[in-house]
């Protein structure tokens, strides 16, 4: 996933080694510090990238479910999903 941490001038996201600082309540303070180190615009870009990734994964899963569809309606639905995915990959 392309996140805001990959942008120049932003700190990298925490590494797995940082996870050792997780509190007993399941809260990872390194993730909180990392998110707070981002500007509001960078946080928004990160969230938008997460949402875009989830939409693409959802569409891919739906297309996979419909790949063996026999009804014309399901076949058309699958083609529309695949076309949407193709368009999302283009710049």
C-alpha atoms as a PDB file:
ATOM      1  CA  UNK A   1       0.000   0.000   0.000  1.00  0.00           C
ATOM      2  CA  UNK A   2       1.190   3.459  -0.841  1.00  0.00           C
ATOM      3  CA  UNK A   3       1.036   5.453   2.387  1.00  0.00           C
ATOM      4  CA  UNK A   4       1.973   8.975   3.354  1.00  0.00           C
ATOM      5  CA  UNK A   5       5.115   7.751   5.075  1.00  0.00           C
ATOM      6  CA  UNK A   6       6.635   7.108   1.653  1.00  0.00           C
ATOM      7  CA  UNK A   7       6.423  10.801   0.794  1.00  0.00           C
ATOM      8  CA  UNK A   8       9.580  12.878   1.083  1.00  0.00           C
ATOM      9  CA  UNK A   9       9.838  14.786   4.329  1.00  0.00           C
ATOM     10  CA  UNK A  10       7.774  12.319   6.335  1.00  0.00           C
ATOM     11  CA  UNK A  11       8.981   9.865   8.915  1.00  0.00           C
ATOM     12  CA  UNK A  12       8.815   6.201   8.010  1.00  0.00           C
ATOM     13  CA  UNK A  13       6.145   4.072   9.611  1.00  0.00           C
ATOM     14  CA  UNK A  14       7.186   2.057  12.672  1.00  0.00           C
ATOM     15  CA  UNK A  15       9.088  -1.154  12.115  1.00  0.00           C
ATOM     16  CA  UNK A  16       8.061  -4.521  13.577  1.00  0.00           C
ATOM     17  CA  UNK A  17      10.857  -4.147  16.140  1.00  0.00           C
ATOM     18  CA  UNK A  18       8.981  -1.133  17.540  1.00  0.00           C
ATOM     19  CA  UNK A  19       6.027  -3.392  18.341  1.00  0.00           C
ATOM     20  CA  UNK A  20       7.848  -4.572  21.460  1.00  0.00           C
ATOM     21  CA  UNK A  21       6.693  -1.351  23.124  1.00  0.00           C
ATOM     22  CA  UNK A  22       3.026  -2.369  22.952  1.00  0.00           C
ATOM     23  CA  UNK A  23       1.254  -1.750  26.226  1.00  0.00           C
ATOM     24  CA  UNK A  24      -0.789  -4.405  27.966  1.00  0.00           C
ATOM     25  CA  UNK A  25      -3.971  -2.779  26.704  1.00  0.00           C
ATOM     26  CA  UNK A  26      -2.975  -3.560  23.115  1.00  0.00           C
ATOM     27  CA  UNK A  27      -2.120   0.041  22.269  1.00  0.00           C
ATOM     28  CA  UNK A  28       1.108   0.596  20.366  1.00  0.00           C
ATOM     29  CA  UNK A  29       2.442   4.035  21.342  1.00  0.00           C
ATOM     30  CA  UNK A  30       4.883   4.014  18.412  1.00  0.00           C
ATOM     31  CA  UNK A  31       1.952   3.971  15.985  1.00  0.00           C
ATOM     32  CA  UNK A  32       0.310   6.840  17.816  1.00  0.00           C
ATOM     33  CA  UNK A  33       3.560   8.847  17.802  1.00  0.00           C
ATOM     34  CA  UNK A  34       4.085   8.076  14.114  1.00  0.00           C
ATOM     35  CA  UNK A  35       0.562   9.188  13.167  1.00  0.00           C
ATOM     36  CA  UNK A  36       0.876  12.367  15.241  1.00  0.00           C
ATOM     37  CA  UNK A  37       4.211  13.122  13.558  1.00  0.00           C
ATOM     38  CA  UNK A  38       2.373  13.464  10.234  1.00  0.00           C
ATOM     39  CA  UNK A  39       0.745  16.687   9.145  1.00  0.00           C
ATOM     40  CA  UNK A  40      -3.064  16.683   8.968  1.00  0.00           C
ATOM     41  CA  UNK A  41      -2.778  16.574   5.158  1.00  0.00           C
ATOM     42  CA  UNK A  42      -0.437  13.569   5.330  1.00  0.00           C
ATOM     43  CA  UNK A  43      -2.819  11.784   7.710  1.00  0.00           C
ATOM     44  CA  UNK A  44      -5.660  12.401   5.281  1.00  0.00           C
ATOM     45  CA  UNK A  45      -3.584  11.109   2.336  1.00  0.00           C
ATOM     46  CA  UNK A  46      -2.693   8.005   4.376  1.00  0.00           C
ATOM     47  CA  UNK A  47      -6.350   7.369   5.200  1.00  0.00           C
ATOM     48  CA  UNK A  48      -7.421   7.913   1.594  1.00  0.00           C
ATOM     49  CA  UNK A  49      -4.803   5.392   0.462  1.00  0.00           C
ATOM     50  CA  UNK A  50      -6.066   2.869   3.015  1.00  0.00           C
ATOM     51  CA  UNK A  51      -9.654   3.357   1.824  1.00  0.00           C
ATOM     52  CA  UNK A  52      -8.613   3.071  -1.836  1.00  0.00           C
ATOM     53  CA  UNK A  53      -6.789  -0.171  -1.083  1.00  0.00           C
ATOM     54  CA  UNK A  54      -9.813  -1.578   0.736  1.00  0.00           C
ATOM     55  CA  UNK A  55     -12.098  -0.670  -2.195  1.00  0.00           C
ATOM     56  CA  UNK A  56      -9.787  -2.400  -4.668  1.00  0.00           C
ATOM     57  CA  UNK A  57      -9.505  -5.501  -2.480  1.00  0.00           C
ATOM     58  CA  UNK A  58     -13.288  -5.617  -2.100  1.00  0.00           C
ATOM     59  CA  UNK A  59     -13.803  -5.354  -5.851  1.00  0.00           C
ATOM     60  CA  UNK A  60     -11.199  -8.040  -6.504  1.00  0.00           C
ATOM     61  CA  UNK A  61     -12.892 -10.366  -4.026  1.00  0.00           C
ATOM     62  CA  UNK A  62     -16.287  -9.729  -5.611  1.00  0.00           C
ATOM     63  CA  UNK A  63     -14.893 -10.362  -9.102  1.00  0.00           C
ATOM     64  CA  UNK A  64     -13.373 -13.617  -7.849  1.00  0.00           C
ATOM     65  CA  UNK A  65     -16.732 -14.709  -6.418  1.00  0.00           C
ATOM     66  CA  UNK A  66     -18.430 -14.007  -9.733  1.00  0.00           C
ATOM     67  CA  UNK A  67     -15.788 -15.599 -11.981  1.00  0.00           C
ATOM     68  CA  UNK A  68     -17.808 -18.800 -12.338  1.00  0.00           C
ATOM     69  CA  UNK A  69     -21.068 -16.938 -12.832  1.00  0.00           C
ATOM     70  CA  UNK A  70     -23.396 -18.407 -15.401  1.00  0.00           C
ATOM     71  CA  UNK A  71     -26.164 -15.818 -15.532  1.00  0.00           C
ATOM     72  CA  UNK A  72     -25.705 -12.946 -18.003  1.00  0.00           C
ATOM     73  CA  UNK A  73     -26.395 -10.459 -15.194  1.00  0.00           C
ATOM     74  CA  UNK A  74     -23.550 -11.857 -13.048  1.00  0.00           C
ATOM     75  CA  UNK A  75     -21.217 -12.010 -16.050  1.00  0.00           C
ATOM     76  CA  UNK A  76     -21.950  -8.375 -16.879  1.00  0.00           C
ATOM     77  CA  UNK A  77     -21.480  -7.427 -13.231  1.00  0.00           C
ATOM     78  CA  UNK A  78     -18.064  -9.150 -13.202  1.00  0.00           C
ATOM     79  CA  UNK A  79     -17.005  -7.373 -16.411  1.00  0.00           C
ATOM     80  CA  UNK A  80     -17.991  -4.025 -14.901  1.00  0.00           C
ATOM     81  CA  UNK A  81     -15.994  -4.790 -11.735  1.00  0.00           C
ATOM     82  CA  UNK A  82     -12.928  -5.801 -13.754  1.00  0.00           C
ATOM     83  CA  UNK A  83     -13.199  -2.640 -15.868  1.00  0.00           C
ATOM     84  CA  UNK A  84     -13.435  -0.530 -12.701  1.00  0.00           C
ATOM     85  CA  UNK A  85     -10.296  -2.215 -11.369  1.00  0.00           C
ATOM     86  CA  UNK A  86      -8.488  -1.608 -14.668  1.00  0.00           C
ATOM     87  CA  UNK A  87      -9.418   2.091 -14.596  1.00  0.00           C
ATOM     88  CA  UNK A  88      -8.196   2.441 -10.985  1.00  0.00           C
ATOM     89  CA  UNK A  89      -4.751   1.187 -12.027  1.00  0.00           C
ATOM     90  CA  UNK A  90      -4.338   3.853 -14.695  1.00  0.00           C
ATOM     91  CA  UNK A  91      -2.784   7.171 -13.599  1.00  0.00           C
END
